[in-house]
Amino acid sequence: MKASLLTKAGFALIVLAVLVSSCRRDEVYTPALSAEVYDSEVVYEWNELYLEIDRFSPGYRPPAAARMLGYTGIALYEALVPGMPNNRSLRHQFSGLTIPDVEQDAEYHWPTVANSVYATIFRHWYPHIDQRHKEEIDRLERLYNEEFRARINSDVFNRSQLRGRDVANAVFDWSSTDEAGHNAYLNPRPTSYTPPEGPGLWQPTFPDFTLGLFPYWGEVRPFAVRPGDMLARPPIPFSEDPNSEFYLQTKENEIIVNENDYERLWIAEFWSDDIFGQTFQPAARWIAIANQAVHQENISLAAAAELYAKMGIALADCAIIIWNSKYHYSVERPVSYIRRLMDDSWVTALNNTVNGVKGLTPEFPAYPSGHSGFGGAAAAVLINVFGYNYHLTDKCHEFRTEFIGTPRSFASFADMAYENAISRIYLGVHYRMDCEEGLRMGYLAGERA
């Protein structure tokens, strides 16, 4: 990639690295305790459950899952912000968002509030999931309710539980006013969309020729990005001339996939997260990474609420501006170009180990890269919270046997975002320009959040 996207200095100019406290405090309830006093265990465990549900929730692949993370993060933050004296509500920044007030001079147990938020809003998002996952939502809510009920008086517990439920309902009701995004998971590949035809324009790809995923996502209501952020920079002009930059970038895909060594294949498979029923989707991958940092640093409940709100907003907005750009430019995928002009038997390195189909390409236009965007958006937030030079060994896929999930270690979140981006070239599903622009747009969404 271009040097401006490869240097740590370039990344550092985009985001502000602010360290947060990671001190653990004894969780003993007394009147007027803030959310800063409690640890983030309840939020961590709900997000761990989310990662499991996300693998098997029909329709909630990107970008619908990213949108859901945005609203969930806002619900958690708004429910807890009265217990965060250094923070302010977002209710006045979002038109139509109405948040119930807390009872004046009343006590709240903020971990109970958080537990109620997640249980309530997950039931809203996931009416269609398997019964076993519905039972897991019930189980986790019950586990924390029993623990918290034994620790605090019944009035405080009931008031806190009601607070979480009321705010979650209010945020879900606000989501329902976004017609383009709310419940879009029920029809992720609308048959009403017909892709444009012409040289270099995207059409459903070999081998499954699946219809376009969320072609109207640019109409979804954003959170923090601005109108001028909605469209990517123009891609490299399409050309079939062997001396053109477009041809040479495509040739890079062909050569890399044909000559993939173990290291490249490891990187490609490690970051893939493309296969429904096998892994969480690529926006959720960054929740998995955030979870590891939260667990490692044991941050406070207040800090976790702010982190997941920023992450959700950044990921959701990133999906909107990137999917809007994808279907605006409608750039064909490398597999179509290569099979037409270079090698009619060429396939990508992306294989579905669930149904056995090999040589897949995601079912939407190439430019810009969604994976790269999610990485940039999340890295911007994680750097803002944990600092730039943060060392982490990503164990998201440790012990997986269907693909190479061996943990990889990184010196910064920027390094993770970069490797995530180039992994798409190694799979053969994206041009280099897709990854460069996707990464830039992701950082922009993170900065706005």
Protein backbone atom coordinates (compact mmCIF):
# COMPACT_ATOMS: atom_id res chain seq x y z
CA MET A 1 0.00 0.00 0.00
CA LYS A 2 1.00 3.60 -0.37
CA ALA A 3 3.44 4.88 2.19
CA SER A 4 0.91 7.32 3.64
CA LEU A 5 -1.18 4.38 4.76
CA LEU A 6 1.69 2.24 5.91
CA THR A 7 3.34 4.56 8.39
CA LYS A 8 2.41 4.62 12.03
CA ALA A 9 2.84 8.37 11.99
CA GLY A 10 0.11 8.62 9.40
CA PHE A 11 -2.26 6.67 11.56
CA ALA A 12 -1.32 8.64 14.66
CA LEU A 13 -2.25 11.92 12.98
CA ILE A 14 -5.80 10.71 12.54
CA VAL A 15 -6.65 9.72 16.10
CA LEU A 16 -5.93 11.05 19.57
CA ALA A 17 -4.27 8.48 21.81
CA VAL A 18 -5.80 8.85 25.25
CA LEU A 19 -5.10 6.27 27.93
CA VAL A 20 -7.89 5.31 30.31
CA SER A 21 -7.59 4.06 33.84
CA SER A 22 -7.53 0.32 34.29
CA CYS A 23 -7.68 0.18 38.07
CA ARG A 24 -9.99 -2.41 39.57
CA ARG A 25 -12.18 -1.36 42.47
CA ASP A 26 -14.12 -3.36 45.03
CA GLU A 27 -17.73 -3.61 43.91
CA VAL A 28 -19.61 -2.81 47.11
CA TYR A 29 -22.79 -0.83 46.57
CA THR A 30 -23.27 2.39 48.53
CA PRO A 31 -25.48 5.38 47.68
CA ALA A 32 -24.25 7.71 44.93
CA LEU A 33 -21.65 5.31 43.52
CA SER A 34 -20.81 6.09 39.92
CA ALA A 35 -20.42 3.57 37.11
CA GLU A 36 -16.68 4.24 37.31
CA VAL A 37 -16.56 2.30 40.60
CA TYR A 38 -17.68 -1.00 39.08
CA ASP A 39 -15.70 -3.32 36.86
CA SER A 40 -16.79 -4.14 33.32
CA GLU A 41 -17.41 -7.86 33.75
CA VAL A 42 -21.12 -7.75 32.91
CA VAL A 43 -20.48 -5.81 29.67
CA TYR A 44 -17.61 -8.10 28.72
CA GLU A 45 -19.71 -11.24 29.19
CA TRP A 46 -22.63 -9.88 27.17
CA ASN A 47 -20.29 -9.03 24.32
CA GLU A 48 -18.80 -12.50 24.49
CA LEU A 49 -22.29 -13.91 24.11
CA TYR A 50 -22.91 -11.51 21.23
CA LEU A 51 -19.92 -12.95 19.37
CA GLU A 52 -21.41 -16.43 19.61
CA ILE A 53 -24.89 -15.33 18.52
CA ASP A 54 -23.47 -13.29 15.64
CA ARG A 55 -22.03 -16.42 14.03
CA PHE A 56 -25.50 -17.92 13.56
CA SER A 57 -27.93 -14.98 13.25
CA PRO A 58 -29.45 -14.95 9.73
CA GLY A 59 -29.28 -11.61 7.97
CA TYR A 60 -26.86 -10.07 10.43
CA ARG A 61 -23.77 -10.08 8.28
CA PRO A 62 -22.14 -6.75 7.47
CA PRO A 63 -23.37 -4.06 7.43
CA ALA A 64 -26.59 -4.84 9.35
CA ALA A 65 -24.63 -6.23 12.28
CA ALA A 66 -22.53 -3.07 12.44
CA ARG A 67 -25.68 -0.97 12.64
CA MET A 68 -27.00 -3.12 15.47
CA LEU A 69 -23.73 -2.55 17.36
CA GLY A 70 -24.21 1.19 17.00
CA TYR A 71 -27.65 1.20 18.57
CA THR A 72 -26.66 -1.29 21.24
CA GLY A 73 -23.64 0.80 22.23
CA ILE A 74 -25.77 3.94 22.45
CA ALA A 75 -28.37 2.13 24.56
CA LEU A 76 -25.74 0.99 27.05
CA TYR A 77 -24.11 4.41 27.20
CA GLU A 78 -27.39 6.33 27.61
CA ALA A 79 -28.60 3.98 30.33
CA LEU A 80 -25.40 4.46 32.34
CA VAL A 81 -24.49 8.09 31.62
CA PRO A 82 -26.37 9.44 34.67
CA GLY A 83 -23.83 7.45 36.68
CA MET A 84 -20.91 8.88 34.67
CA PRO A 85 -20.42 12.42 36.04
CA ASN A 86 -17.65 13.24 33.55
CA ASN A 87 -19.80 12.35 30.53
CA ARG A 88 -22.81 13.85 28.79
CA SER A 89 -25.84 12.27 27.17
CA LEU A 90 -26.04 11.99 23.38
CA ARG A 91 -29.79 12.51 23.33
CA HIS A 92 -29.54 16.08 22.08
CA GLN A 93 -27.19 15.13 19.24
CA PHE A 94 -29.60 12.69 17.61
CA SER A 95 -32.91 13.95 16.29
CA GLY A 96 -35.81 11.87 17.51
CA LEU A 97 -33.91 10.08 20.28
CA THR A 98 -35.82 10.34 23.55
CA ILE A 99 -34.24 8.83 26.66
CA PRO A 100 -36.21 8.34 29.90
CA ASP A 101 -34.93 10.39 32.83
CA VAL A 102 -33.62 8.80 36.01
CA GLU A 103 -35.45 9.34 39.28
CA GLN A 104 -33.92 12.31 41.05
CA ASP A 105 -31.98 11.47 44.21
CA ALA A 106 -32.66 7.76 43.70
CA GLU A 107 -30.06 5.02 43.90
CA TYR A 108 -29.12 2.86 40.92
CA HIS A 109 -26.93 -0.20 40.65
CA TRP A 110 -25.25 0.35 37.31
CA PRO A 111 -24.21 -3.27 36.61
CA THR A 112 -27.88 -4.25 36.98
CA VAL A 113 -28.79 -1.48 34.54
CA ALA A 114 -26.24 -2.79 32.02
CA ASN A 115 -27.49 -6.36 32.38
CA SER A 116 -31.03 -5.23 31.70
CA VAL A 117 -30.01 -3.16 28.66
CA TYR A 118 -28.32 -6.06 26.92
CA ALA A 119 -31.00 -8.65 27.69
CA THR A 120 -33.76 -6.34 26.49
CA ILE A 121 -32.18 -5.09 23.31
CA PHE A 122 -30.80 -8.50 22.29
CA ARG A 123 -34.34 -9.87 22.41
CA HIS A 124 -35.40 -7.03 20.14
CA TRP A 125 -32.60 -7.64 17.62
CA TYR A 126 -32.77 -11.42 17.59
CA PRO A 127 -36.36 -12.71 17.47
CA HIS A 128 -35.34 -15.18 14.76
CA ILE A 129 -32.31 -16.95 16.25
CA ASP A 130 -32.13 -20.56 17.38
CA GLN A 131 -33.81 -21.45 20.66
CA ARG A 132 -30.46 -22.39 22.20
CA HIS A 133 -29.22 -18.84 21.77
CA LYS A 134 -32.44 -17.37 23.15
CA GLU A 135 -31.90 -19.58 26.18
CA GLU A 136 -28.34 -18.27 26.50
CA ILE A 137 -29.70 -14.71 26.65
CA ASP A 138 -32.12 -15.81 29.38
CA ARG A 139 -29.38 -17.66 31.23
CA LEU A 140 -26.91 -14.78 31.28
CA GLU A 141 -29.55 -12.27 32.35
CA ARG A 142 -30.72 -14.61 35.13
CA LEU A 143 -27.17 -15.29 36.33
CA TYR A 144 -26.41 -11.62 36.89
CA ASN A 145 -29.87 -10.84 38.25
CA GLU A 146 -29.43 -13.49 40.93
CA GLU A 147 -25.97 -12.19 41.80
CA PHE A 148 -27.00 -8.53 41.94
CA ARG A 149 -30.33 -9.10 43.68
CA ALA A 150 -28.50 -10.78 46.55
CA ARG A 151 -26.14 -7.81 46.87
CA ILE A 152 -28.50 -4.81 46.89
CA ASN A 153 -31.91 -3.96 48.27
CA SER A 154 -34.98 -4.79 46.21
CA ASP A 155 -35.98 -1.18 45.49
CA VAL A 156 -32.58 -0.38 44.01
CA PHE A 157 -32.54 -3.62 42.03
CA ASN A 158 -36.03 -3.12 40.58
CA ARG A 159 -35.37 0.52 39.74
CA SER A 160 -32.09 -0.36 38.03
CA GLN A 161 -33.61 -3.20 36.06
CA LEU A 162 -36.42 -0.91 34.89
CA ARG A 163 -33.88 1.76 33.90
CA GLY A 164 -32.03 -0.62 31.59
CA ARG A 165 -35.22 -1.98 30.05
CA ASP A 166 -36.74 1.46 29.45
CA VAL A 167 -33.64 2.88 27.78
CA ALA A 168 -33.15 -0.21 25.61
CA ASN A 169 -36.78 0.04 24.48
CA ALA A 170 -36.41 3.75 23.76
CA VAL A 171 -33.30 3.24 21.62
CA PHE A 172 -34.92 0.36 19.75
CA ASP A 173 -37.97 2.54 19.10
CA TRP A 174 -35.66 5.23 17.72
CA SER A 175 -34.03 2.62 15.47
CA SER A 176 -37.47 1.79 14.05
CA THR A 177 -37.74 5.34 12.64
CA ASP A 178 -34.85 4.55 10.27
CA GLU A 179 -36.84 2.72 7.63
CA ALA A 180 -33.86 1.81 5.44
CA GLY A 181 -31.92 0.16 8.24
CA HIS A 182 -34.38 -1.15 10.82
CA ASN A 183 -35.19 -4.84 10.25
CA ALA A 184 -33.20 -4.80 7.00
CA TYR A 185 -31.63 -8.08 8.15
CA LEU A 186 -34.91 -9.74 7.11
CA ASN A 187 -34.19 -9.02 3.43
CA PRO A 188 -30.42 -8.71 2.99
CA ARG A 189 -30.39 -9.51 -0.75
CA PRO A 190 -33.42 -7.75 -2.22
CA THR A 191 -34.45 -9.01 -5.64
CA SER A 192 -35.52 -5.48 -6.53
CA TYR A 193 -31.88 -4.54 -7.11
CA THR A 194 -30.47 -5.00 -10.60
CA PRO A 195 -26.74 -4.22 -10.89
CA PRO A 196 -25.72 -1.94 -13.77
CA GLU A 197 -24.10 -3.55 -16.79
CA GLY A 198 -21.01 -2.38 -18.60
CA PRO A 199 -17.22 -2.75 -18.78
CA GLY A 200 -15.69 -3.24 -15.35
CA LEU A 201 -19.00 -3.09 -13.48
CA TRP A 202 -19.85 -5.60 -10.77
CA GLN A 203 -22.02 -8.58 -11.43
CA PRO A 204 -22.61 -11.55 -9.08
CA THR A 205 -19.43 -13.58 -8.98
CA PHE A 206 -18.21 -17.10 -9.55
CA PRO A 207 -18.84 -19.72 -8.22
CA ASP A 208 -22.19 -19.10 -6.49
CA PHE A 209 -23.32 -15.87 -8.23
CA THR A 210 -25.16 -14.67 -5.11
CA LEU A 211 -27.29 -11.53 -5.35
CA GLY A 212 -25.91 -8.25 -3.99
CA LEU A 213 -25.88 -7.86 -0.21
CA PHE A 214 -27.59 -4.70 1.13
CA PRO A 215 -27.43 -2.66 -2.10
CA TYR A 216 -29.44 0.22 -0.59
CA TRP A 217 -27.39 0.61 2.60
CA GLY A 218 -26.30 4.12 1.67
CA GLU A 219 -29.84 5.23 2.56
CA VAL A 220 -29.43 4.14 6.20
CA ARG A 221 -29.36 6.90 8.84
CA PRO A 222 -25.79 7.59 10.04
CA PHE A 223 -24.68 8.67 13.50
CA ALA A 224 -21.60 10.89 13.21
CA VAL A 225 -20.32 10.95 9.63
CA ARG A 226 -21.09 14.02 7.55
CA PRO A 227 -22.66 14.34 4.08
CA GLY A 228 -19.24 14.95 2.54
CA ASP A 229 -17.99 11.65 3.97
CA MET A 230 -20.56 9.50 2.18
CA LEU A 231 -18.65 8.80 -1.01
CA ALA A 232 -15.20 7.28 -1.47
CA ARG A 233 -12.62 8.91 -3.67
CA PRO A 234 -12.95 7.73 -7.29
CA PRO A 235 -11.27 4.39 -7.98
CA ILE A 236 -8.49 3.87 -10.48
CA PRO A 237 -10.02 4.16 -13.97
CA PHE A 238 -11.08 0.80 -15.35
CA SER A 239 -8.90 -0.52 -18.14
CA GLU A 240 -8.09 -3.82 -19.82
CA ASP A 241 -4.78 -2.50 -21.12
CA PRO A 242 -1.97 -4.73 -19.78
CA ASN A 243 0.07 -1.60 -19.06
CA SER A 244 -2.67 0.12 -17.07
CA GLU A 245 -2.64 0.47 -13.30
CA PHE A 246 -5.98 -1.35 -13.05
CA TYR A 247 -4.60 -4.34 -14.94
CA LEU A 248 -1.43 -4.38 -12.84
CA GLN A 249 -3.35 -4.31 -9.56
CA THR A 250 -5.44 -7.23 -10.76
CA LYS A 251 -2.31 -9.08 -11.85
CA GLU A 252 -1.05 -8.67 -8.29
CA ASN A 253 -4.08 -10.58 -7.03
CA GLU A 254 -3.51 -13.39 -9.51
CA ILE A 255 0.17 -13.75 -8.67
CA ILE A 256 -0.25 -13.57 -4.88
CA VAL A 257 -3.03 -16.16 -4.74
CA ASN A 258 -1.17 -18.49 -7.10
CA GLU A 259 2.01 -18.21 -5.04
CA ASN A 260 0.54 -17.90 -1.53
CA ASP A 261 3.05 -19.11 1.06
CA TYR A 262 2.11 -20.21 4.57
CA GLU A 263 2.53 -16.75 6.13
CA ARG A 264 0.26 -15.07 3.59
CA LEU A 265 -2.31 -17.84 3.80
CA TRP A 266 -2.22 -17.61 7.60
CA ILE A 267 -2.89 -13.86 7.43
CA ALA A 268 -5.61 -14.35 4.81
CA GLU A 269 -7.50 -16.98 6.80
CA PHE A 270 -6.82 -15.39 10.20
CA TRP A 271 -8.68 -12.20 9.24
CA SER A 272 -11.30 -13.64 6.90
CA ASP A 273 -14.46 -13.87 9.06
CA ASP A 274 -16.48 -14.28 5.86
CA ILE A 275 -18.32 -17.53 6.47
CA PHE A 276 -21.76 -17.59 8.10
CA GLY A 277 -22.02 -20.37 10.67
CA GLN A 278 -18.26 -20.51 11.11
CA THR A 279 -17.14 -17.17 12.50
CA PHE A 280 -18.60 -13.85 13.55
CA GLN A 281 -18.67 -11.29 10.72
CA PRO A 282 -15.87 -8.73 10.18
CA ALA A 283 -17.42 -5.87 12.19
CA ALA A 284 -17.88 -8.21 15.16
CA ARG A 285 -14.24 -9.28 14.81
CA TRP A 286 -13.29 -5.90 16.22
CA ILE A 287 -15.65 -6.35 19.15
CA ALA A 288 -13.75 -9.57 19.82
CA ILE A 289 -10.49 -7.61 19.75
CA ALA A 290 -11.95 -4.91 22.01
CA ASN A 291 -13.12 -7.61 24.42
CA GLN A 292 -9.58 -8.91 24.72
CA ALA A 293 -8.25 -5.45 25.58
CA VAL A 294 -11.10 -4.82 28.04
CA HIS A 295 -10.39 -8.12 29.75
CA GLN A 296 -6.65 -7.54 29.74
CA GLU A 297 -6.93 -4.04 31.24
CA ASN A 298 -9.99 -4.69 33.42
CA ILE A 299 -11.38 -1.22 32.67
CA SER A 300 -14.29 0.24 34.62
CA LEU A 301 -17.94 -0.14 33.70
CA ALA A 302 -18.08 3.54 32.73
CA ALA A 303 -15.05 3.25 30.47
CA ALA A 304 -16.50 0.14 28.83
CA ALA A 305 -19.81 1.90 28.15
CA GLU A 306 -17.97 4.74 26.42
CA LEU A 307 -15.73 2.34 24.48
CA TYR A 308 -18.53 0.18 23.07
CA ALA A 309 -20.61 3.24 22.19
CA LYS A 310 -17.71 4.70 20.21
CA MET A 311 -16.99 1.33 18.60
CA GLY A 312 -20.61 0.78 17.62
CA ILE A 313 -21.01 4.25 16.15
CA ALA A 314 -17.73 4.01 14.22
CA LEU A 315 -18.47 0.54 12.80
CA ALA A 316 -22.05 1.42 11.87
CA ASP A 317 -21.09 4.64 10.11
CA CYS A 318 -18.20 2.96 8.36
CA ALA A 319 -20.59 0.39 6.89
CA ILE A 320 -22.91 3.12 5.63
CA ILE A 321 -20.30 5.19 3.80
CA ILE A 322 -18.47 2.17 2.39
CA TRP A 323 -21.59 0.33 1.18
CA ASN A 324 -22.88 3.56 -0.31
CA SER A 325 -19.58 3.86 -2.20
CA LYS A 326 -19.56 0.20 -3.25
CA TYR A 327 -22.87 0.43 -5.05
CA HIS A 328 -22.16 3.92 -6.38
CA TYR A 329 -18.98 2.87 -8.22
CA SER A 330 -19.97 -0.80 -8.70
CA VAL A 331 -16.41 -1.98 -9.39
CA GLU A 332 -16.17 -5.60 -10.48
CA ARG A 333 -14.28 -8.09 -8.34
CA PRO A 334 -10.82 -9.41 -9.26
CA VAL A 335 -12.16 -12.90 -9.91
CA SER A 336 -14.36 -11.64 -12.75
CA TYR A 337 -11.55 -9.63 -14.35
CA ILE A 338 -8.96 -12.40 -14.02
CA ARG A 339 -11.20 -15.17 -15.35
CA ARG A 340 -12.17 -13.00 -18.31
CA LEU A 341 -8.72 -11.70 -19.29
CA MET A 342 -5.97 -13.74 -17.63
CA ASP A 343 -6.92 -17.23 -16.52
CA ASP A 344 -10.42 -18.63 -16.99
CA SER A 345 -9.83 -21.27 -14.31
CA TRP A 346 -8.53 -18.91 -11.58
CA VAL A 347 -10.23 -18.92 -8.17
CA THR A 348 -9.76 -16.98 -4.95
CA ALA A 349 -8.29 -18.45 -1.78
CA LEU A 350 -11.56 -17.97 0.13
CA ASN A 351 -13.20 -21.31 0.91
CA ASN A 352 -16.38 -22.11 2.78
CA THR A 353 -15.57 -24.95 5.16
CA VAL A 354 -19.24 -25.18 6.23
CA ASN A 355 -20.75 -26.10 2.84
CA GLY A 356 -17.55 -27.03 0.98
CA VAL A 357 -17.78 -24.35 -1.74
CA LYS A 358 -14.32 -23.12 -2.75
CA GLY A 359 -13.02 -20.00 -4.44
CA LEU A 360 -15.66 -17.62 -3.06
CA THR A 361 -15.91 -13.85 -3.33
CA PRO A 362 -18.18 -11.73 -1.08
CA GLU A 363 -21.48 -10.82 -2.74
CA PHE A 364 -21.10 -7.08 -3.37
CA PRO A 365 -18.91 -4.71 -5.42
CA ALA A 366 -15.20 -4.48 -4.68
CA TYR A 367 -14.42 -0.82 -4.08
CA PRO A 368 -13.80 0.11 -1.29
CA SER A 369 -13.08 -2.79 1.06
CA GLY A 370 -15.49 -3.28 3.96
CA HIS A 371 -13.03 -5.36 5.96
CA SER A 372 -10.43 -2.62 5.65
CA GLY A 373 -12.98 -0.01 6.68
CA PHE A 374 -14.07 -1.86 9.80
CA GLY A 375 -10.43 -2.28 10.79
CA GLY A 376 -9.67 1.41 10.40
CA ALA A 377 -12.81 2.50 12.25
CA ALA A 378 -12.20 0.19 15.18
CA ALA A 379 -8.47 0.93 15.35
CA ALA A 380 -9.19 4.66 15.58
CA VAL A 381 -11.42 4.08 18.60
CA LEU A 382 -9.14 1.54 20.27
CA ILE A 383 -6.13 3.86 19.90
CA ASN A 384 -8.18 6.68 21.37
CA VAL A 385 -9.01 4.55 24.42
CA PHE A 386 -5.95 2.37 24.99
CA GLY A 387 -3.16 4.36 23.34
CA TYR A 388 -1.17 3.92 20.15
CA ASN A 389 1.61 1.53 21.20
CA TYR A 390 -0.66 -1.13 22.65
CA HIS A 391 0.61 -4.69 22.39
CA LEU A 392 -1.99 -7.40 21.93
CA THR A 393 -1.96 -11.03 20.90
CA ASP A 394 -5.19 -11.67 19.04
CA LYS A 395 -6.64 -14.99 20.16
CA CYS A 396 -10.01 -14.60 18.42
CA HIS A 397 -9.69 -17.89 16.55
CA GLU A 398 -7.38 -19.83 18.83
CA PHE A 399 -7.93 -23.60 18.60
CA ARG A 400 -9.95 -23.40 15.36
CA THR A 401 -9.16 -26.28 13.03
CA GLU A 402 -11.19 -25.37 9.92
CA PHE A 403 -8.65 -22.66 9.02
CA ILE A 404 -5.41 -21.21 10.35
CA GLY A 405 -6.48 -19.43 13.53
CA THR A 406 -3.16 -19.52 15.35
CA PRO A 407 -2.91 -16.29 17.44
CA ARG A 408 -0.92 -13.40 16.00
CA SER A 409 0.82 -10.68 18.03
CA PHE A 410 0.81 -6.97 17.21
CA ALA A 411 2.55 -3.87 18.51
CA SER A 412 -0.43 -1.59 17.86
CA PHE A 413 -4.05 -1.54 16.76
CA ALA A 414 -2.88 0.29 13.63
CA ASP A 415 -0.72 -2.73 12.76
CA MET A 416 -3.77 -4.96 13.20
CA ALA A 417 -5.89 -2.77 10.95
CA TYR A 418 -3.22 -2.75 8.26
CA GLU A 419 -2.76 -6.52 8.30
CA ASN A 420 -6.53 -6.99 8.25
CA ALA A 421 -6.63 -4.84 5.11
CA ILE A 422 -3.86 -6.61 3.18
CA SER A 423 -5.36 -9.99 4.07
CA ARG A 424 -8.05 -9.25 1.49
CA ILE A 425 -5.39 -9.00 -1.24
CA TYR A 426 -3.91 -12.31 -0.08
CA LEU A 427 -7.36 -13.93 -0.40
CA GLY A 428 -7.73 -12.49 -3.89
CA VAL A 429 -11.07 -10.83 -3.19
CA HIS A 430 -9.92 -7.17 -3.28
CA TYR A 431 -7.66 -4.91 -5.29
CA ARG A 432 -5.02 -2.93 -3.44
CA MET A 433 -6.94 0.28 -4.10
CA ASP A 434 -9.98 -1.19 -2.31
CA CYS A 435 -7.96 -1.78 0.83
CA GLU A 436 -6.26 1.62 0.79
CA GLU A 437 -9.48 3.55 0.43
CA GLY A 438 -11.41 1.32 2.80
CA LEU A 439 -8.80 1.85 5.48
CA ARG A 440 -8.89 5.62 4.97
CA MET A 441 -12.66 5.76 5.19
CA GLY A 442 -12.67 3.56 8.28
CA TYR A 443 -10.28 5.87 10.09
CA LEU A 444 -12.45 8.79 9.07
CA ALA A 445 -15.56 7.11 10.56
CA GLY A 446 -13.58 6.39 13.74
CA GLU A 447 -12.46 9.98 13.97
CA ARG A 448 -16.04 11.22 13.59
CA ALA A 449 -17.23 8.85 16.31
